[in-house]
Protein backbone atom coordinates (compact mmCIF):
# COMPACT_ATOMS: atom_id res chain seq x y z
CA UNK A 1 138.87 93.78 108.01
CA UNK A 2 135.74 95.60 108.85
CA UNK A 3 134.20 96.23 112.54
CA UNK A 4 130.53 96.61 113.42
CA UNK A 5 129.64 98.06 116.70
CA UNK A 6 126.44 97.60 118.37
CA UNK A 7 125.34 100.16 121.30
CA UNK A 8 122.97 97.79 122.98
CA UNK A 9 120.94 98.25 125.95
CA UNK A 10 123.22 96.20 128.36
CA UNK A 11 126.49 95.74 126.41
CA UNK A 12 128.67 97.12 123.58
CA UNK A 13 129.21 94.31 121.09
CA UNK A 14 131.76 94.20 118.37
CA UNK A 15 131.93 91.91 115.37
CA UNK A 16 134.57 91.64 112.75
CA UNK A 17 134.32 90.56 109.16
CA UNK A 18 137.36 89.57 106.67
CA UNK A 19 137.35 90.67 102.92
CA UNK A 20 135.06 87.61 101.84
CA UNK A 21 132.27 88.45 104.31
CA UNK A 22 133.05 85.73 106.99
CA UNK A 23 132.68 86.60 110.65
CA UNK A 24 136.15 86.42 112.07
CA UNK A 25 135.54 87.54 115.61
CA UNK A 26 133.24 88.90 118.60
CA UNK A 27 133.66 90.78 121.61
CA UNK A 28 131.15 92.03 124.31
CA UNK A 29 131.93 94.34 126.87
CA UNK A 30 129.25 95.57 129.45
CA UNK A 31 128.62 99.41 129.32
CA UNK A 32 129.75 99.83 132.78
CA UNK A 33 133.13 98.12 132.01
CA UNK A 34 133.51 100.23 128.76
CA UNK A 35 132.73 103.42 130.68
CA UNK A 36 135.79 102.58 133.04
CA UNK A 37 138.15 102.03 130.12
CA UNK A 38 140.33 104.66 128.55
CA UNK A 39 139.85 105.30 124.83
CA UNK A 40 143.45 103.90 124.24
CA UNK A 41 142.28 100.80 125.99
CA UNK A 42 139.15 100.43 124.02
CA UNK A 43 141.17 100.50 120.85
CA UNK A 44 143.80 98.26 122.41
CA UNK A 45 141.27 95.68 123.20
CA UNK A 46 139.79 95.75 119.58
CA UNK A 47 143.31 95.28 118.22
CA UNK A 48 144.07 92.26 120.56
CA UNK A 49 140.64 90.45 120.45
CA UNK A 50 140.65 90.59 116.68
CA UNK A 51 144.24 89.93 116.14
CA UNK A 52 144.42 93.20 113.84
CA UNK A 53 146.43 96.82 113.89
CA UNK A 54 144.08 99.69 113.61
CA UNK A 55 145.73 100.56 110.47
CA UNK A 56 144.50 97.01 108.95
CA UNK A 57 140.79 97.86 109.74
CA UNK A 58 139.08 99.13 106.36
CA UNK A 59 136.13 100.60 108.02
CA UNK A 60 134.11 100.56 111.25
CA UNK A 61 130.48 101.21 111.29
CA UNK A 62 129.22 102.63 114.88
CA UNK A 63 125.74 102.98 116.50
CA UNK A 64 125.48 105.43 119.30
CA UNK A 65 122.16 106.03 121.54
CA UNK A 66 119.04 107.18 119.42
CA UNK A 67 121.04 108.46 116.33
CA UNK A 68 118.34 111.03 116.10
CA UNK A 69 120.07 114.13 114.66
CA UNK A 70 121.28 112.43 111.33
CA UNK A 71 119.04 111.03 108.67
CA UNK A 72 121.92 109.40 106.52
CA UNK A 73 125.13 107.37 107.00
CA UNK A 74 127.90 109.85 108.13
CA UNK A 75 131.62 109.91 108.47
CA UNK A 76 132.26 109.74 112.27
CA UNK A 77 134.42 112.92 111.91
CA UNK A 78 131.59 115.02 110.63
CA UNK A 79 128.66 114.20 113.01
CA UNK A 80 128.08 116.80 115.80
CA UNK A 81 127.15 115.63 119.22
CA UNK A 82 127.78 111.78 118.12
CA UNK A 83 124.59 112.05 116.18
CA UNK A 84 122.17 112.51 118.63
CA UNK A 85 119.88 115.55 119.48
CA UNK A 86 120.33 114.67 123.25
CA UNK A 87 121.20 111.98 125.58
CA UNK A 88 118.48 112.90 127.82
CA UNK A 89 115.31 111.06 127.49
CA UNK A 90 114.35 107.33 127.35
CA UNK A 91 117.17 104.97 128.47
CA UNK A 92 119.93 104.41 130.83
CA UNK A 93 122.96 106.38 130.70
CA UNK A 94 126.33 104.96 131.66
CA UNK A 95 128.95 106.65 129.51
CA UNK A 96 130.22 103.26 127.70
CA UNK A 97 128.72 104.13 124.49
CA UNK A 98 130.24 107.61 124.41
CA UNK A 99 133.65 106.17 125.65
CA UNK A 100 133.68 103.67 122.60
CA UNK A 101 132.34 106.20 120.01
CA UNK A 102 134.92 108.56 121.00
CA UNK A 103 137.72 105.81 120.92
CA UNK A 104 136.85 104.96 117.35
CA UNK A 105 136.74 108.66 116.27
CA UNK A 106 140.07 109.38 117.74
CA UNK A 107 141.71 106.01 116.53
CA UNK A 108 142.38 106.90 112.74
CA UNK A 109 140.17 103.90 111.95
CA UNK A 110 137.68 105.02 108.95
CA UNK A 111 134.31 104.88 110.46
CA UNK A 112 130.85 105.86 109.69
CA UNK A 113 127.99 106.50 112.05
CA UNK A 114 124.56 105.07 111.38
CA UNK A 115 121.49 106.94 112.06
CA UNK A 116 118.19 105.94 113.86
CA UNK A 117 114.89 106.28 112.42
CA UNK A 118 112.90 109.39 113.58
CA UNK A 119 110.51 112.09 112.44
CA UNK A 120 113.12 113.41 110.07
CA UNK A 121 113.77 110.16 108.45
CA UNK A 122 112.67 109.59 104.79
CA UNK A 123 110.46 106.66 105.88
CA UNK A 124 106.56 106.35 105.60
CA UNK A 125 105.67 109.88 106.84
CA UNK A 126 102.59 108.71 108.81
CA UNK A 127 104.75 107.20 111.49
CA UNK A 128 106.17 110.54 111.91
CA UNK A 129 103.69 111.40 114.53
CA UNK A 130 106.20 109.82 116.72
CA UNK A 131 109.43 111.59 117.14
CA UNK A 132 111.57 108.43 117.39
CA UNK A 133 111.09 105.26 115.89
CA UNK A 134 114.09 102.91 116.51
CA UNK A 135 117.67 103.21 117.28
CA UNK A 136 120.62 102.55 114.88
CA UNK A 137 121.60 99.19 116.06
CA UNK A 138 118.18 97.76 114.80
CA UNK A 139 119.39 99.13 111.24
CA UNK A 140 122.37 96.81 111.70
CA UNK A 141 120.12 93.71 112.58
CA UNK A 142 117.96 94.60 109.52
CA UNK A 143 120.78 94.69 107.30
CA UNK A 144 122.12 91.43 108.55
CA UNK A 145 118.56 89.90 107.62
CA UNK A 146 118.89 91.62 104.15
CA UNK A 147 122.43 90.13 103.70
CA UNK A 148 120.84 86.69 104.52
CA UNK A 149 118.29 87.19 101.39
CA UNK A 150 115.42 88.83 103.08
CA UNK A 151 114.13 92.10 101.24
CA UNK A 152 110.47 92.21 102.62
CA UNK A 153 110.27 91.58 106.54
CA UNK A 154 109.33 92.58 109.97
CA UNK A 155 111.83 92.47 112.42
CA UNK A 156 111.09 92.41 116.02
CA UNK A 157 114.02 93.01 118.53
CA UNK A 158 112.70 91.68 122.07
CA UNK A 159 114.85 92.17 125.14
CA UNK A 160 115.09 94.72 127.89
CA UNK A 161 112.69 96.36 125.34
CA UNK A 162 110.72 95.52 122.41
CA UNK A 163 111.26 97.60 118.99
CA UNK A 164 109.75 96.32 115.65
CA UNK A 165 110.75 97.54 112.15
CA UNK A 166 109.40 96.97 108.77
CA UNK A 167 111.63 96.62 105.55
CA UNK A 168 109.87 96.57 102.20
CA UNK A 169 111.80 96.14 98.88
CA UNK A 170 115.13 96.14 100.91
CA UNK A 171 114.20 99.85 102.36
CA UNK A 172 113.32 100.40 105.87
CA UNK A 173 109.69 102.00 105.88
CA UNK A 174 108.99 102.31 109.50
CA UNK A 175 109.25 101.31 113.13
CA UNK A 176 107.55 101.25 116.47
CA UNK A 177 109.86 102.15 119.44
CA UNK A 178 109.99 100.99 122.93
CA UNK A 179 108.24 103.79 124.51
CA UNK A 180 105.13 103.45 122.29
CA UNK A 181 103.59 99.79 122.32
CA UNK A 182 104.88 96.48 123.32
CA UNK A 183 106.78 96.00 126.78
CA UNK A 184 109.95 94.20 127.06
CA UNK A 185 111.72 92.86 130.15
CA UNK A 186 112.30 96.09 131.89
CA UNK A 187 111.06 98.92 129.54
CA UNK A 188 107.81 99.76 128.17
CA UNK A 189 105.24 102.43 127.38
CA UNK A 190 103.84 104.59 130.34
CA UNK A 191 100.28 103.69 131.29
CA UNK A 192 97.81 105.86 133.46
CA UNK A 193 99.28 105.03 136.55
CA UNK A 194 102.67 105.91 135.54
CA UNK A 195 101.71 109.27 134.29
CA UNK A 196 100.05 109.90 137.65
CA UNK A 197 103.33 108.84 139.36
CA UNK A 198 105.13 111.33 137.12
CA UNK A 199 102.68 114.13 137.74
CA UNK A 200 102.98 113.63 141.46
CA UNK A 201 106.82 113.74 141.24
CA UNK A 202 107.15 110.11 142.50
CA UNK A 203 109.57 109.56 139.58
CA UNK A 204 110.83 111.04 136.47
CA UNK A 205 109.31 109.82 132.97
CA UNK A 206 112.45 108.02 132.41
CA UNK A 207 112.37 106.08 135.45
CA UNK A 208 108.75 105.32 134.75
CA UNK A 209 109.97 103.97 131.06
CA UNK A 210 112.56 101.83 132.18
CA UNK A 211 110.63 100.17 134.91
CA UNK A 212 107.40 99.62 132.73
CA UNK A 213 108.21 96.08 131.50
CA UNK A 214 106.88 92.91 132.67
CA UNK A 215 109.39 92.35 135.33
CA UNK A 216 107.82 94.69 137.47
CA UNK A 217 104.98 92.33 137.97
CA UNK A 218 107.09 89.49 139.28
CA UNK A 219 109.48 88.77 142.19
CA UNK A 220 112.35 88.60 139.62
CA UNK A 221 115.10 91.25 139.12
CA UNK A 222 116.53 90.22 135.83
CA UNK A 223 116.37 87.86 132.85
CA UNK A 224 118.58 85.36 134.49
CA UNK A 225 116.22 84.77 137.52
CA UNK A 226 113.22 84.72 135.05
CA UNK A 227 114.87 82.08 133.02
CA UNK A 228 115.52 79.86 135.98
CA UNK A 229 112.05 80.25 137.32
CA UNK A 230 110.39 79.79 133.87
CA UNK A 231 112.38 76.24 133.81
CA UNK A 232 110.69 75.51 136.98
CA UNK A 233 107.29 76.38 135.48
CA UNK A 234 106.95 79.31 137.76
CA UNK A 235 103.56 80.85 137.54
CA UNK A 236 104.66 84.58 137.42
CA UNK A 237 107.69 83.66 134.98
CA UNK A 238 105.44 81.96 132.52
CA UNK A 239 102.91 84.68 132.60
CA UNK A 240 105.85 87.47 131.92
CA UNK A 241 107.10 85.52 128.86
CA UNK A 242 103.55 84.85 127.57
CA UNK A 243 102.85 88.64 128.04
CA UNK A 244 105.96 89.53 126.13
CA UNK A 245 104.99 87.30 123.40
CA UNK A 246 101.36 88.26 122.97
CA UNK A 247 102.22 92.08 122.77
CA UNK A 248 105.36 91.40 120.43
CA UNK A 249 102.93 89.55 118.21
CA UNK A 250 100.43 92.28 118.25
CA UNK A 251 103.36 94.98 117.39
CA UNK A 252 104.49 92.62 114.65
CA UNK A 253 100.91 92.49 113.24
CA UNK A 254 100.58 96.31 113.22
CA UNK A 255 103.76 96.39 111.27
CA UNK A 256 102.72 93.69 108.74
CA UNK A 257 99.55 96.24 108.06
CA UNK A 258 102.15 98.91 107.12
CA UNK A 259 104.03 96.38 104.91
CA UNK A 260 100.85 95.38 103.20
CA UNK A 261 100.21 98.89 102.44
CA UNK A 262 103.54 98.98 100.68
CA UNK A 263 102.96 96.02 98.59
CA UNK A 264 103.94 92.96 100.65
CA UNK A 265 103.43 90.85 103.76
CA UNK A 266 106.77 89.84 104.24
CA UNK A 267 108.64 87.24 106.66
CA UNK A 268 108.87 87.69 110.33
CA UNK A 269 112.15 87.97 111.85
CA UNK A 270 112.84 87.83 115.75
CA UNK A 271 116.00 88.92 117.42
CA UNK A 272 117.00 89.58 121.09
CA UNK A 273 117.69 87.78 124.29
CA UNK A 274 114.02 87.08 124.86
CA UNK A 275 113.15 86.22 121.25
CA UNK A 276 116.04 83.42 121.69
CA UNK A 277 113.71 81.72 124.30
CA UNK A 278 112.05 78.97 122.76
CA UNK A 279 108.87 79.60 124.25
CA UNK A 280 108.43 82.96 123.49
CA UNK A 281 109.28 82.34 119.80
CA UNK A 282 106.73 79.53 119.80
CA UNK A 283 104.11 81.52 121.32
CA UNK A 284 104.56 84.49 118.76
CA UNK A 285 104.35 81.94 115.99
CA UNK A 286 101.06 80.49 117.34
CA UNK A 287 99.51 84.04 117.72
CA UNK A 288 100.58 84.93 113.97
CA UNK A 289 99.94 81.63 112.67
CA UNK A 290 103.15 81.40 110.69
CA UNK A 291 106.64 80.54 111.13
CA UNK A 292 109.31 83.21 112.54
CA UNK A 293 112.94 83.19 111.74
CA UNK A 294 115.06 83.97 114.97
CA UNK A 295 118.55 85.52 114.72
CA UNK A 296 121.23 85.67 117.75
CA UNK A 297 122.18 88.67 119.68
CA UNK A 298 125.40 89.13 117.52
CA UNK A 299 123.14 90.10 114.64
CA UNK A 300 123.19 93.81 114.99
CA UNK A 301 127.17 93.90 115.42
CA UNK A 302 127.47 91.75 112.16
CA UNK A 303 125.03 93.75 110.28
CA UNK A 304 126.97 96.89 111.07
CA UNK A 305 130.28 95.27 110.03
CA UNK A 306 128.21 94.28 106.91
CA UNK A 307 127.18 97.64 106.37
CA UNK A 308 130.83 98.89 106.75
CA UNK A 309 132.04 96.35 104.33
CA UNK A 310 129.54 97.52 101.58
CA UNK A 311 130.29 101.15 102.04
CA UNK A 312 133.90 100.53 101.87
CA UNK A 313 133.29 98.49 98.58
CA UNK A 314 131.46 101.71 97.11
CA UNK A 315 127.76 101.23 98.33
CA UNK A 316 126.13 104.61 98.91
CA UNK A 317 122.62 103.44 100.09
CA UNK A 318 121.86 101.10 102.79
CA UNK A 319 118.14 99.73 103.32
CA UNK A 320 117.15 103.09 101.59
CA UNK A 321 119.32 105.21 103.87
CA UNK A 322 121.77 107.39 101.96
CA UNK A 323 125.21 107.39 102.61
CA UNK A 324 126.80 110.78 102.99
CA UNK A 325 130.64 110.62 102.57
């Protein structure tokens, strides 16, 4: 059995594959709940939910935070600081991801750590004007799409934040991170007023980032409230969804330009809790004038399990990312 672990914005998601590649189990734990567990409890929960002993797990593939201190897929025992330069910066810290990472590292399960894409990565160097492009779980989503038969595509993951990645010829060529362009529900780039507020000491840059999504312009506090209002055709809810769709389509178009520069236009793939909403996917399709393929929220964890399976089988490159074991 092979395990993939998605360190998502709101939850830790686990997926298991058997030897023939069939998905055999799924597990979701909120990051807060994971933080309250011991390492032994995390491993026991995996064994119980997937009906397997840790000694029967052939390999696990783990994502953690930004993954910005490594450029290759590494053995979990070899990475320093869990594969990140620092946990400070953009995003909410709960301790759940750290607890799961350390639980896997101490369990004896063979495991690899997937890197993010950043300014040291071997992708299109023009995008290295930004220090960080995407976190590791997006590599899991992209690999799942690759395993589905896509080799040239733009992938946009739209949920609490929006991150868009491009793959040409089965290799990652670049990405646009959440703090650069398109807003999500909660997170987004800092505009002029946000920079003024940071300079005035009213809030930190991270607080500004985590409150720069479309929800700040609505009376809704989370996705569920927004969805319920959208079903009632509430104006603020519809405007929020249409805003996300517009900016996501613009970001996808930007990455299509990069993909074209690498010899292809590619397919468009959407993923994430917001992308799964029919109105958003339909609006993005209308803006782009083409069909989009929509994957579900388990794609990152399943893709990571597929990475574990293929590395265990001898693979030494994943989407152009070298495997260093």
